[in-house]
Amino acid sequence: MIYPENATQLTAVGNTAWIKTLQNTNHTIMVKVANINTNVVVRVEGTINGTDAFNMSDLNSDTTITANGNYAFMMSGAIQAIRLNFVSETGGSAATLDVSYYGV
Protein backbone atom coordinates (compact mmCIF):
# COMPACT_ATOMS: atom_id res chain seq x y z
CA MET A 1 0.00 0.00 0.00
CA ILE A 2 1.39 3.43 -0.93
CA TYR A 3 1.10 6.16 1.63
CA PRO A 4 1.43 9.41 -0.38
CA GLU A 5 0.47 11.42 2.69
CA ASN A 6 3.88 10.39 4.03
CA ALA A 7 5.74 11.84 1.04
CA THR A 8 8.18 14.39 2.41
CA GLN A 9 10.83 16.72 1.02
CA LEU A 10 14.03 17.30 2.99
CA THR A 11 16.05 20.41 2.07
CA ALA A 12 18.57 20.27 4.91
CA VAL A 13 20.18 17.80 7.28
CA GLY A 14 17.55 16.15 9.47
CA ASN A 15 15.01 13.36 9.21
CA THR A 16 11.48 12.77 8.04
CA ALA A 17 8.75 12.18 10.57
CA TRP A 18 8.25 8.55 11.54
CA ILE A 19 6.15 6.70 8.95
CA LYS A 20 4.02 4.00 10.58
CA THR A 21 4.50 0.67 8.81
CA LEU A 22 1.04 -0.73 9.72
CA GLN A 23 2.35 -4.26 10.36
CA ASN A 24 4.09 -4.43 6.95
CA THR A 25 7.26 -6.51 6.93
CA ASN A 26 8.66 -5.49 3.52
CA HIS A 27 9.65 -1.86 3.20
CA THR A 28 10.81 0.37 0.35
CA ILE A 29 11.93 3.96 0.77
CA MET A 30 12.31 5.86 -2.52
CA VAL A 31 14.45 8.99 -2.52
CA LYS A 32 14.53 11.41 -5.45
CA VAL A 33 17.69 13.50 -5.15
CA ALA A 34 17.97 16.84 -6.97
CA ASN A 35 20.35 19.81 -6.99
CA ILE A 36 23.23 17.75 -5.62
CA ASN A 37 26.65 19.37 -5.65
CA THR A 38 29.25 16.85 -4.41
CA ASN A 39 27.30 14.31 -2.35
CA VAL A 40 24.64 13.65 0.25
CA VAL A 41 24.72 10.96 2.92
CA VAL A 42 21.49 9.23 3.99
CA ARG A 43 20.43 6.56 6.45
CA VAL A 44 17.19 4.57 6.61
CA GLU A 45 16.18 4.17 10.24
CA GLY A 46 13.64 1.97 11.96
CA THR A 47 12.10 1.84 15.42
CA ILE A 48 10.32 -0.83 17.40
CA ASN A 49 9.24 1.43 20.28
CA GLY A 50 8.41 4.70 18.48
CA THR A 51 11.29 6.57 20.10
CA ASP A 52 14.69 4.95 19.63
CA ALA A 53 16.09 4.73 16.07
CA PHE A 54 18.44 2.15 14.58
CA ASN A 55 20.16 1.92 11.19
CA MET A 56 18.26 -0.54 8.97
CA SER A 57 21.25 -1.23 6.72
CA ASP A 58 22.43 -4.84 6.90
CA LEU A 59 25.96 -3.47 7.30
CA ASN A 60 24.87 -0.77 9.76
CA SER A 61 26.30 1.84 7.40
CA ASP A 62 25.16 5.08 5.79
CA THR A 63 24.80 5.55 2.02
CA THR A 64 26.65 8.24 0.07
CA ILE A 65 24.85 9.48 -3.05
CA THR A 66 26.92 11.39 -5.63
CA ALA A 67 24.43 12.10 -8.46
CA ASN A 68 20.90 13.35 -8.94
CA GLY A 69 18.36 10.59 -9.52
CA ASN A 70 15.96 8.12 -7.96
CA TYR A 71 17.25 5.68 -5.34
CA ALA A 72 15.44 2.84 -3.58
CA PHE A 73 16.25 1.26 -0.24
CA MET A 74 14.56 -2.08 0.41
CA MET A 75 14.55 -3.97 3.66
CA SER A 76 12.43 -6.43 5.57
CA GLY A 77 11.55 -6.95 9.19
CA ALA A 78 8.87 -6.27 11.75
CA ILE A 79 9.18 -2.64 12.82
CA GLN A 80 6.75 -0.06 14.16
CA ALA A 81 7.90 2.86 11.98
CA ILE A 82 10.54 3.90 9.45
CA ARG A 83 12.14 7.20 8.41
CA LEU A 84 14.92 8.64 6.26
CA ASN A 85 17.73 10.56 7.93
CA PHE A 86 19.52 13.17 5.76
CA VAL A 87 22.88 12.83 7.53
CA SER A 88 25.08 15.32 5.65
CA GLU A 89 25.69 17.27 2.45
CA THR A 90 29.08 18.11 0.93
CA GLY A 91 29.89 20.85 -1.57
CA GLY A 92 26.82 23.01 -1.17
CA SER A 93 23.46 23.37 0.53
CA ALA A 94 20.90 23.18 -2.29
CA ALA A 95 20.19 19.43 -2.44
CA THR A 96 16.60 18.27 -2.07
CA LEU A 97 15.44 14.78 -1.14
CA ASP A 98 11.87 13.75 -1.96
CA VAL A 99 11.06 10.72 0.19
CA SER A 100 8.22 8.21 -0.30
CA TYR A 101 7.37 4.93 1.46
CA TYR A 102 5.80 1.73 0.18
CA GLY A 103 5.19 -1.31 2.38
CA VAL A 104 3.53 -4.71 2.13
PDB file of N, CA and C in Angstrom:
ATOM      1  N   MET A   1       0.839  -1.175   0.000  1.00  0.00           N
ATOM      2  CA  MET A   1       0.000   0.000   0.000  1.00  0.00           C
ATOM      3  C   MET A   1       0.886   1.240   0.000  1.00  0.00           C
ATOM      4  N   ILE A   2       0.622   2.183  -0.872  1.00  0.00           N
ATOM      5  CA  ILE A   2       1.385   3.431  -0.935  1.00  0.00           C
ATOM      6  C   ILE A   2       0.751   4.440   0.010  1.00  0.00           C
ATOM      7  N   TYR A   3       1.567   5.158   0.692  1.00  0.00           N
ATOM      8  CA  TYR A   3       1.100   6.164   1.627  1.00  0.00           C
ATOM      9  C   TYR A   3       1.577   7.541   1.174  1.00  0.00           C
ATOM     10  N   PRO A   4       0.943   8.136   0.146  1.00  0.00           N
ATOM     11  CA  PRO A   4       1.427   9.410  -0.375  1.00  0.00           C
ATOM     12  C   PRO A   4       1.375  10.529   0.650  1.00  0.00           C
ATOM     13  N   GLU A   5       0.518  10.390   1.659  1.00  0.00           N
ATOM     14  CA  GLU A   5       0.469  11.425   2.688  1.00  0.00           C
ATOM     15  C   GLU A   5       1.770  11.463   3.480  1.00  0.00           C
ATOM     16  N   ASN A   6       2.588  10.428   3.344  1.00  0.00           N
ATOM     17  CA  ASN A   6       3.878  10.392   4.026  1.00  0.00           C
ATOM     18  C   ASN A   6       5.023  10.865   3.136  1.00  0.00           C
ATOM     19  N   ALA A   7       4.704  11.299   1.908  1.00  0.00           N
ATOM     20  CA  ALA A   7       5.743  11.841   1.040  1.00  0.00           C
ATOM     21  C   ALA A   7       6.254  13.138   1.667  1.00  0.00           C
ATOM     22  N   THR A   8       7.557  13.266   1.725  1.00  0.00           N
ATOM     23  CA  THR A   8       8.184  14.394   2.411  1.00  0.00           C
ATOM     24  C   THR A   8       9.365  14.890   1.595  1.00  0.00           C
ATOM     25  N   GLN A   9       9.616  16.193   1.636  1.00  0.00           N
ATOM     26  CA  GLN A   9      10.828  16.725   1.022  1.00  0.00           C
ATOM     27  C   GLN A   9      11.746  17.241   2.123  1.00  0.00           C
ATOM     28  N   LEU A  10      13.000  16.788   2.088  1.00  0.00           N
ATOM     29  CA  LEU A  10      14.026  17.300   2.986  1.00  0.00           C
ATOM     30  C   LEU A  10      14.926  18.242   2.191  1.00  0.00           C
ATOM     31  N   THR A  11      15.189  19.423   2.734  1.00  0.00           N
ATOM     32  CA  THR A  11      16.048  20.411   2.069  1.00  0.00           C
ATOM     33  C   THR A  11      17.287  20.731   2.900  1.00  0.00           C
ATOM     34  N   ALA A  12      17.421  20.077   4.034  1.00  0.00           N
ATOM     35  CA  ALA A  12      18.570  20.272   4.914  1.00  0.00           C
ATOM     36  C   ALA A  12      18.750  19.019   5.756  1.00  0.00           C
ATOM     37  N   VAL A  13      19.892  18.933   6.402  1.00  0.00           N
ATOM     38  CA  VAL A  13      20.182  17.803   7.281  1.00  0.00           C
ATOM     39  C   VAL A  13      19.070  17.669   8.321  1.00  0.00           C
ATOM     40  N   GLY A  14      18.629  16.445   8.543  1.00  0.00           N
ATOM     41  CA  GLY A  14      17.546  16.153   9.474  1.00  0.00           C
ATOM     42  C   GLY A  14      16.842  14.891   9.014  1.00  0.00           C
ATOM     43  N   ASN A  15      15.710  14.579   9.600  1.00  0.00           N
ATOM     44  CA  ASN A  15      15.007  13.360   9.208  1.00  0.00           C
ATOM     45  C   ASN A  15      13.532  13.630   8.970  1.00  0.00           C
ATOM     46  N   THR A  16      12.913  12.706   8.233  1.00  0.00           N
ATOM     47  CA  THR A  16      11.475  12.770   8.044  1.00  0.00           C
ATOM     48  C   THR A  16      10.802  12.409   9.360  1.00  0.00           C
ATOM     49  N   ALA A  17       9.525  12.671   9.438  1.00  0.00           N
ATOM     50  CA  ALA A  17       8.755  12.177  10.574  1.00  0.00           C
ATOM     51  C   ALA A  17       8.694  10.653  10.469  1.00  0.00           C
ATOM     52  N   TRP A  18       8.416   9.996  11.580  1.00  0.00           N
ATOM     53  CA  TRP A  18       8.246   8.550  11.545  1.00  0.00           C
ATOM     54  C   TRP A  18       7.053   8.204  10.665  1.00  0.00           C
ATOM     55  N   ILE A  19       7.219   7.208   9.797  1.00  0.00           N
ATOM     56  CA  ILE A  19       6.148   6.699   8.946  1.00  0.00           C
ATOM     57  C   ILE A  19       5.733   5.357   9.530  1.00  0.00           C
ATOM     58  N   LYS A  20       4.494   5.256  10.006  1.00  0.00           N
ATOM     59  CA  LYS A  20       4.015   3.998  10.580  1.00  0.00           C
ATOM     60  C   LYS A  20       3.953   2.927   9.495  1.00  0.00           C
ATOM     61  N   THR A  21       4.425   1.743   9.796  1.00  0.00           N
ATOM     62  CA  THR A  21       4.501   0.671   8.807  1.00  0.00           C
ATOM     63  C   THR A  21       3.257  -0.209   8.781  1.00  0.00           C
ATOM     64  N   LEU A  22       2.325  -0.021   9.708  1.00  0.00           N
ATOM     65  CA  LEU A  22       1.039  -0.729   9.715  1.00  0.00           C
ATOM     66  C   LEU A  22       1.182  -2.242   9.584  1.00  0.00           C
ATOM     67  N   GLN A  23       2.114  -2.812  10.320  1.00  0.00           N
ATOM     68  CA  GLN A  23       2.349  -4.257  10.356  1.00  0.00           C
ATOM     69  C   GLN A  23       2.979  -4.813   9.078  1.00  0.00           C
ATOM     70  N   ASN A  24       3.378  -3.954   8.146  1.00  0.00           N
ATOM     71  CA  ASN A  24       4.087  -4.432   6.947  1.00  0.00           C
ATOM     72  C   ASN A  24       5.447  -4.977   7.367  1.00  0.00           C
ATOM     73  N   THR A  25       5.936  -5.957   6.626  1.00  0.00           N
ATOM     74  CA  THR A  25       7.260  -6.506   6.932  1.00  0.00           C
ATOM     75  C   THR A  25       8.245  -6.314   5.784  1.00  0.00           C
ATOM     76  N   ASN A  26       7.779  -5.835   4.638  1.00  0.00           N
ATOM     77  CA  ASN A  26       8.660  -5.494   3.520  1.00  0.00           C
ATOM     78  C   ASN A  26       8.515  -4.005   3.260  1.00  0.00           C
ATOM     79  N   HIS A  27       9.656  -3.308   3.243  1.00  0.00           N
ATOM     80  CA  HIS A  27       9.646  -1.858   3.201  1.00  0.00           C
ATOM     81  C   HIS A  27      10.530  -1.336   2.069  1.00  0.00           C
ATOM     82  N   THR A  28      10.025  -0.326   1.355  1.00  0.00           N
ATOM     83  CA  THR A  28      10.815   0.365   0.349  1.00  0.00           C
ATOM     84  C   THR A  28      10.710   1.858   0.608  1.00  0.00           C
ATOM     85  N   ILE A  29      11.855   2.501   0.695  1.00  0.00           N
ATOM     86  CA  ILE A  29      11.933   3.960   0.768  1.00  0.00           C
ATOM     87  C   ILE A  29      12.510   4.414  -0.572  1.00  0.00           C
ATOM     88  N   MET A  30      11.791   5.280  -1.284  1.00  0.00           N
ATOM     89  CA  MET A  30      12.314   5.855  -2.516  1.00  0.00           C
ATOM     90  C   MET A  30      12.731   7.288  -2.239  1.00  0.00           C
ATOM     91  N   VAL A  31      13.926   7.646  -2.713  1.00  0.00           N
ATOM     92  CA  VAL A  31      14.447   8.989  -2.523  1.00  0.00           C
ATOM     93  C   VAL A  31      14.798   9.564  -3.895  1.00  0.00           C
ATOM     94  N   LYS A  32      14.183  10.686  -4.230  1.00  0.00           N
ATOM     95  CA  LYS A  32      14.526  11.408  -5.454  1.00  0.00           C
ATOM     96  C   LYS A  32      15.438  12.555  -5.042  1.00  0.00           C
ATOM     97  N   VAL A  33      16.691  12.499  -5.505  1.00  0.00           N
ATOM     98  CA  VAL A  33      17.691  13.498  -5.145  1.00  0.00           C
ATOM     99  C   VAL A  33      17.835  14.485  -6.293  1.00  0.00           C
ATOM    100  N   ALA A  34      17.807  15.783  -5.969  1.00  0.00           N
ATOM    101  CA  ALA A  34      17.967  16.837  -6.966  1.00  0.00           C
ATOM    102  C   ALA A  34      18.910  17.913  -6.426  1.00  0.00           C
ATOM    103  N   ASN A  35      19.484  18.669  -7.323  1.00  0.00           N
ATOM    104  CA  ASN A  35      20.351  19.812  -6.994  1.00  0.00           C
ATOM    105  C   ASN A  35      21.585  19.431  -6.172  1.00  0.00           C
ATOM    106  N   ILE A  36      22.068  18.207  -6.371  1.00  0.00           N
ATOM    107  CA  ILE A  36      23.233  17.750  -5.616  1.00  0.00           C
ATOM    108  C   ILE A  36      24.479  18.467  -6.134  1.00  0.00           C
ATOM    109  N   ASN A  37      25.389  18.770  -5.244  1.00  0.00           N
ATOM    110  CA  ASN A  37      26.647  19.374  -5.646  1.00  0.00           C
ATOM    111  C   ASN A  37      27.723  18.289  -5.653  1.00  0.00           C
ATOM    112  N   THR A  38      28.234  17.904  -4.487  1.00  0.00           N
ATOM    113  CA  THR A  38      29.248  16.848  -4.412  1.00  0.00           C
ATOM    114  C   THR A  38      28.620  15.527  -3.989  1.00  0.00           C
ATOM    115  N   ASN A  39      27.989  15.518  -2.802  1.00  0.00           N
ATOM    116  CA  ASN A  39      27.299  14.308  -2.355  1.00  0.00           C
ATOM    117  C   ASN A  39      26.362  14.603  -1.193  1.00  0.00           C
ATOM    118  N   VAL A  40      25.470  13.657  -0.954  1.00  0.00           N
ATOM    119  CA  VAL A  40      24.641  13.650   0.253  1.00  0.00           C
ATOM    120  C   VAL A  40      24.781  12.265   0.879  1.00  0.00           C
ATOM    121  N   VAL A  41      24.650  12.217   2.181  1.00  0.00           N
ATOM    122  CA  VAL A  41      24.720  10.957   2.918  1.00  0.00           C
ATOM    123  C   VAL A  41      23.367  10.754   3.594  1.00  0.00           C
ATOM    124  N   VAL A  42      22.805   9.548   3.419  1.00  0.00           N
ATOM    125  CA  VAL A  42      21.490   9.235   3.986  1.00  0.00           C
ATOM    126  C   VAL A  42      21.545   7.935   4.775  1.00  0.00           C
ATOM    127  N   ARG A  43      20.558   7.780   5.658  1.00  0.00           N
ATOM    128  CA  ARG A  43      20.434   6.560   6.453  1.00  0.00           C
ATOM    129  C   ARG A  43      18.950   6.243   6.613  1.00  0.00           C
ATOM    130  N   VAL A  44      18.556   5.008   6.339  1.00  0.00           N
ATOM    131  CA  VAL A  44      17.191   4.566   6.612  1.00  0.00           C
ATOM    132  C   VAL A  44      17.177   4.033   8.036  1.00  0.00           C
ATOM    133  N   GLU A  45      16.250   4.551   8.832  1.00  0.00           N
ATOM    134  CA  GLU A  45      16.178   4.174  10.239  1.00  0.00           C
ATOM    135  C   GLU A  45      14.833   3.527  10.553  1.00  0.00           C
ATOM    136  N   GLY A  46      14.846   2.614  11.482  1.00  0.00           N
ATOM    137  CA  GLY A  46      13.637   1.970  11.963  1.00  0.00           C
ATOM    138  C   GLY A  46      13.513   2.145  13.460  1.00  0.00           C
ATOM    139  N   THR A  47      12.324   1.835  13.973  1.00  0.00           N
ATOM    140  CA  THR A  47      12.098   1.842  15.419  1.00  0.00           C
ATOM    141  C   THR A  47      11.112   0.732  15.763  1.00  0.00           C
ATOM    142  N   ILE A  48      11.297   0.154  16.923  1.00  0.00           N
ATOM    143  CA  ILE A  48      10.325  -0.834  17.400  1.00  0.00           C
ATOM    144  C   ILE A  48       9.546  -0.305  18.601  1.00  0.00           C
ATOM    145  N   ASN A  49       9.949   0.869  19.125  1.00  0.00           N
ATOM    146  CA  ASN A  49       9.244   1.430  20.276  1.00  0.00           C
ATOM    147  C   ASN A  49       8.709   2.839  20.021  1.00  0.00           C
ATOM    148  N   GLY A  50       8.916   3.379  18.807  1.00  0.00           N
ATOM    149  CA  GLY A  50       8.411   4.704  18.482  1.00  0.00           C
ATOM    150  C   GLY A  50       9.288   5.843  18.941  1.00  0.00           C
ATOM    151  N   THR A  51      10.401   5.534  19.577  1.00  0.00           N
ATOM    152  CA  THR A  51      11.291   6.572  20.101  1.00  0.00           C
ATOM    153  C   THR A  51      12.728   6.381  19.640  1.00  0.00           C
ATOM    154  N   ASP A  52      13.286   5.209  19.905  1.00  0.00           N
ATOM    155  CA  ASP A  52      14.692   4.950  19.627  1.00  0.00           C
ATOM    156  C   ASP A  52      14.878   4.455  18.202  1.00  0.00           C
ATOM    157  N   ALA A  53      15.830   5.069  17.474  1.00  0.00           N
ATOM    158  CA  ALA A  53      16.088   4.732  16.075  1.00  0.00           C
ATOM    159  C   ALA A  53      17.299   3.818  15.953  1.00  0.00           C
ATOM    160  N   PHE A  54      17.272   2.965  14.917  1.00  0.00           N
ATOM    161  CA  PHE A  54      18.437   2.154  14.580  1.00  0.00           C
ATOM    162  C   PHE A  54      18.595   2.136  13.069  1.00  0.00           C
ATOM    163  N   ASN A  55      19.827   1.970  12.616  1.00  0.00           N
ATOM    164  CA  ASN A  55      20.158   1.918  11.194  1.00  0.00           C
ATOM    165  C   ASN A  55      19.630   0.603  10.629  1.00  0.00           C
ATOM    166  N   MET A  56      18.842   0.680   9.556  1.00  0.00           N
ATOM    167  CA  MET A  56      18.261  -0.538   8.974  1.00  0.00           C
ATOM    168  C   MET A  56      19.158  -1.197   7.935  1.00  0.00           C
ATOM    169  N   SER A  57      20.311  -0.615   7.654  1.00  0.00           N
ATOM    170  CA  SER A  57      21.255  -1.228   6.717  1.00  0.00           C
ATOM    171  C   SER A  57      21.784  -2.533   7.287  1.00  0.00           C
ATOM    172  N   ASP A  58      21.879  -3.562   6.446  1.00  0.00           N
ATOM    173  CA  ASP A  58      22.431  -4.843   6.896  1.00  0.00           C
ATOM    174  C   ASP A  58      23.856  -4.680   7.423  1.00  0.00           C
ATOM    175  N   LEU A  59      24.579  -3.707   6.878  1.00  0.00           N
ATOM    176  CA  LEU A  59      25.956  -3.474   7.296  1.00  0.00           C
ATOM    177  C   LEU A  59      26.067  -2.369   8.345  1.00  0.00           C
ATOM    178  N   ASN A  60      24.908  -1.855   8.792  1.00  0.00           N
ATOM    179  CA  ASN A  60      24.868  -0.767   9.764  1.00  0.00           C
ATOM    180  C   ASN A  60      25.678   0.430   9.276  1.00  0.00           C
ATOM    181  N   SER A  61      25.540   0.747   7.980  1.00  0.00           N
ATOM    182  CA  SER A  61      26.301   1.844   7.397  1.00  0.00           C
ATOM    183  C   SER A  61      25.373   2.842   6.707  1.00  0.00           C
ATOM    184  N   ASP A  62      25.884   4.046   6.508  1.00  0.00           N
ATOM    185  CA  ASP A  62      25.162   5.084   5.790  1.00  0.00           C
ATOM    186  C   ASP A  62      25.458   4.957   4.298  1.00  0.00           C
ATOM    187  N   THR A  63      24.640   5.612   3.471  1.00  0.00           N
ATOM    188  CA  THR A  63      24.800   5.553   2.020  1.00  0.00           C
ATOM    189  C   THR A  63      25.165   6.930   1.493  1.00  0.00           C
ATOM    190  N   THR A  64      26.243   7.002   0.707  1.00  0.00           N
ATOM    191  CA  THR A  64      26.654   8.240   0.066  1.00  0.00           C
ATOM    192  C   THR A  64      26.133   8.248  -1.360  1.00  0.00           C
ATOM    193  N   ILE A  65      25.414   9.316  -1.718  1.00  0.00           N
ATOM    194  CA  ILE A  65      24.847   9.479  -3.052  1.00  0.00           C
ATOM    195  C   ILE A  65      25.585  10.632  -3.727  1.00  0.00           C
ATOM    196  N   THR A  66      26.079  10.391  -4.957  1.00  0.00           N
ATOM    197  CA  THR A  66      26.915  11.387  -5.630  1.00  0.00           C
ATOM    198  C   THR A  66      26.303  11.969  -6.899  1.00  0.00           C
ATOM    199  N   ALA A  67      25.068  11.589  -7.238  1.00  0.00           N
ATOM    200  CA  ALA A  67      24.433  12.097  -8.461  1.00  0.00           C
ATOM    201  C   ALA A  67      22.934  12.253  -8.245  1.00  0.00           C
ATOM    202  N   ASN A  68      22.353  13.198  -8.954  1.00  0.00           N
ATOM    203  CA  ASN A  68      20.899  13.350  -8.940  1.00  0.00           C
ATOM    204  C   ASN A  68      20.264  12.083  -9.481  1.00  0.00           C
ATOM    205  N   GLY A  69      19.066  11.754  -9.017  1.00  0.00           N
ATOM    206  CA  GLY A  69      18.364  10.586  -9.523  1.00  0.00           C
ATOM    207  C   GLY A  69      17.443   9.993  -8.485  1.00  0.00           C
ATOM    208  N   ASN A  70      16.853   8.853  -8.844  1.00  0.00           N
ATOM    209  CA  ASN A  70      15.959   8.116  -7.955  1.00  0.00           C
ATOM    210  C   ASN A  70      16.704   6.929  -7.359  1.00  0.00           C
ATOM    211  N   TYR A  71      16.567   6.759  -6.052  1.00  0.00           N
ATOM    212  CA  TYR A  71      17.247   5.684  -5.341  1.00  0.00           C
ATOM    213  C   TYR A  71      16.236   4.954  -4.468  1.00  0.00           C
ATOM    214  N   ALA A  72      16.344   3.636  -4.399  1.00  0.00           N
ATOM    215  CA  ALA A  72      15.437   2.844  -3.579  1.00  0.00           C
ATOM    216  C   ALA A  72      16.235   2.078  -2.534  1.00  0.00           C
ATOM    217  N   PHE A  73      15.680   2.020  -1.340  1.00  0.00           N
ATOM    218  CA  PHE A  73      16.254   1.259  -0.242  1.00  0.00           C
ATOM    219  C   PHE A  73      15.198   0.263   0.193  1.00  0.00           C
ATOM    220  N   MET A  74      15.522  -1.026   0.089  1.00  0.00           N
ATOM    221  CA  MET A  74      14.562  -2.076   0.410  1.00  0.00           C
ATOM    222  C   MET A  74      15.072  -2.899   1.575  1.00  0.00           C
ATOM    223  N   MET A  75      14.182  -3.162   2.510  1.00  0.00           N
ATOM    224  CA  MET A  75      14.548  -3.969   3.664  1.00  0.00           C
ATOM    225  C   MET A  75      13.324  -4.701   4.172  1.00  0.00           C
ATOM    226  N   SER A  76      13.555  -5.687   5.013  1.00  0.00           N
ATOM    227  CA  SER A  76      12.433  -6.431   5.573  1.00  0.00           C
ATOM    228  C   SER A  76      12.630  -6.567   7.072  1.00  0.00           C
ATOM    229  N   GLY A  77      11.522  -6.764   7.748  1.00  0.00           N
ATOM    230  CA  GLY A  77      11.548  -6.947   9.191  1.00  0.00           C
ATOM    231  C   GLY A  77      10.339  -6.309   9.829  1.00  0.00           C
ATOM    232  N   ALA A  78       9.999  -6.805  10.999  1.00  0.00           N
ATOM    233  CA  ALA A  78       8.867  -6.270  11.749  1.00  0.00           C
ATOM    234  C   ALA A  78       9.335  -5.055  12.535  1.00  0.00           C
ATOM    235  N   ILE A  79       8.858  -3.879  12.130  1.00  0.00           N
ATOM    236  CA  ILE A  79       9.182  -2.638  12.824  1.00  0.00           C
ATOM    237  C   ILE A  79       7.902  -1.829  12.984  1.00  0.00           C
ATOM    238  N   GLN A  80       7.922  -0.903  13.914  1.00  0.00           N
ATOM    239  CA  GLN A  80       6.753  -0.055  14.158  1.00  0.00           C
ATOM    240  C   GLN A  80       6.690   1.108  13.175  1.00  0.00           C
ATOM    241  N   ALA A  81       7.864   1.688  12.859  1.00  0.00           N
ATOM    242  CA  ALA A  81       7.899   2.855  11.977  1.00  0.00           C
ATOM    243  C   ALA A  81       9.272   2.947  11.317  1.00  0.00           C
ATOM    244  N   ILE A  82       9.320   3.751  10.247  1.00  0.00           N
ATOM    245  CA  ILE A  82      10.538   3.900   9.450  1.00  0.00           C
ATOM    246  C   ILE A  82      10.679   5.374   9.081  1.00  0.00           C
ATOM    247  N   ARG A  83      11.905   5.828   8.858  1.00  0.00           N
ATOM    248  CA  ARG A  83      12.138   7.203   8.413  1.00  0.00           C
ATOM    249  C   ARG A  83      13.454   7.277   7.654  1.00  0.00           C
ATOM    250  N   LEU A  84      13.649   8.389   6.932  1.00  0.00           N
ATOM    251  CA  LEU A  84      14.921   8.643   6.262  1.00  0.00           C
ATOM    252  C   LEU A  84      15.629   9.764   7.002  1.00  0.00           C
ATOM    253  N   ASN A  85      16.897   9.557   7.289  1.00  0.00           N
ATOM    254  CA  ASN A  85      17.730  10.565   7.932  1.00  0.00           C
ATOM    255  C   ASN A  85      18.675  11.132   6.881  1.00  0.00           C
ATOM    256  N   PHE A  86      18.606  12.431   6.633  1.00  0.00           N
ATOM    257  CA  PHE A  86      19.523  13.171   5.756  1.00  0.00           C
ATOM    258  C   PHE A  86      20.698  13.537   6.650  1.00  0.00           C
ATOM    259  N   VAL A  87      21.764  12.741   6.595  1.00  0.00           N
ATOM    260  CA  VAL A  87      22.883  12.830   7.528  1.00  0.00           C
ATOM    261  C   VAL A  87      23.780  14.023   7.250  1.00  0.00           C
ATOM    262  N   SER A  88      24.176  14.218   5.966  1.00  0.00           N
ATOM    263  CA  SER A  88      25.084  15.324   5.647  1.00  0.00           C
ATOM    264  C   SER A  88      25.046  15.643   4.161  1.00  0.00           C
ATOM    265  N   GLU A  89      25.573  16.822   3.835  1.00  0.00           N
ATOM    266  CA  GLU A  89      25.695  17.269   2.449  1.00  0.00           C
ATOM    267  C   GLU A  89      27.063  17.906   2.288  1.00  0.00           C
ATOM    268  N   THR A  90      27.751  17.574   1.198  1.00  0.00           N
ATOM    269  CA  THR A  90      29.077  18.113   0.927  1.00  0.00           C
ATOM    270  C   THR A  90      29.046  18.911  -0.362  1.00  0.00           C
ATOM    271  N   GLY A  91      29.718  20.068  -0.358  1.00  0.00           N
ATOM    272  CA  GLY A  91      29.889  20.851  -1.572  1.00  0.00           C
ATOM    273  C   GLY A  91      28.788  21.844  -1.858  1.00  0.00           C
ATOM    274  N   GLY A  92      27.897  22.063  -0.943  1.00  0.00           N
ATOM    275  CA  GLY A  92      26.815  23.013  -1.169  1.00  0.00           C
ATOM    276  C   GLY A  92      25.717  22.819  -0.154  1.00  0.00           C
ATOM    277  N   SER A  93      24.588  23.492  -0.403  1.00  0.00           N
ATOM    278  CA  SER A  93      23.464  23.370   0.526  1.00  0.00           C
ATOM    279  C   SER A  93      22.125  23.437  -0.208  1.00  0.00           C
ATOM    280  N   ALA A  94      22.121  23.046  -1.488  1.00  0.00           N
ATOM    281  CA  ALA A  94      20.902  23.177  -2.291  1.00  0.00           C
ATOM    282  C   ALA A  94      20.208  21.846  -2.574  1.00  0.00           C
ATOM    283  N   ALA A  95      20.780  20.732  -2.127  1.00  0.00           N
ATOM    284  CA  ALA A  95      20.190  19.428  -2.444  1.00  0.00           C
ATOM    285  C   ALA A  95      18.802  19.291  -1.842  1.00  0.00           C
ATOM    286  N   THR A  96      17.920  18.613  -2.589  1.00  0.00           N
ATOM    287  CA  THR A  96      16.600  18.268  -2.066  1.00  0.00           C
ATOM    288  C   THR A  96      16.413  16.757  -2.168  1.00  0.00           C
ATOM    289  N   LEU A  97      15.742  16.203  -1.179  1.00  0.00           N
ATOM    290  CA  LEU A  97      15.443  14.776  -1.140  1.00  0.00           C
ATOM    291  C   LEU A  97      13.936  14.607  -0.999  1.00  0.00           C
ATOM    292  N   ASP A  98      13.290  14.081  -2.033  1.00  0.00           N
ATOM    293  CA  ASP A  98      11.870  13.755  -1.965  1.00  0.00           C
ATOM    294  C   ASP A  98      11.745  12.297  -1.555  1.00  0.00           C
ATOM    295  N   VAL A  99      11.090  12.046  -0.448  1.00  0.00           N
ATOM    296  CA  VAL A  99      11.065  10.724   0.190  1.00  0.00           C
ATOM    297  C   VAL A  99       9.644  10.157   0.157  1.00  0.00           C
ATOM    298  N   SER A 100       9.508   8.904  -0.306  1.00  0.00           N
ATOM    299  CA  SER A 100       8.223   8.210  -0.302  1.00  0.00           C
ATOM    300  C   SER A 100       8.413   6.814   0.275  1.00  0.00           C
ATOM    301  N   TYR A 101       7.339   6.261   0.850  1.00  0.00           N
ATOM    302  CA  TYR A 101       7.372   4.933   1.457  1.00  0.00           C
ATOM    303  C   TYR A 101       6.336   4.029   0.809  1.00  0.00           C
ATOM    304  N   TYR A 102       6.723   2.771   0.642  1.00  0.00           N
ATOM    305  CA  TYR A 102       5.802   1.726   0.181  1.00  0.00           C
ATOM    306  C   TYR A 102       6.066   0.500   1.044  1.00  0.00           C
ATOM    307  N   GLY A 103       5.021  -0.115   1.560  1.00  0.00           N
ATOM    308  CA  GLY A 103       5.187  -1.306   2.382  1.00  0.00           C
ATOM    309  C   GLY A 103       4.109  -2.335   2.137  1.00  0.00           C
ATOM    310  N   VAL A 104       4.488  -3.614   2.256  1.00  0.00           N
ATOM    311  CA  VAL A 104       3.533  -4.708   2.128  1.00  0.00           C
ATOM    312  C   VAL A 104       3.817  -5.745   3.195  1.00  0.00           C
TER     313      VAL A 104
END
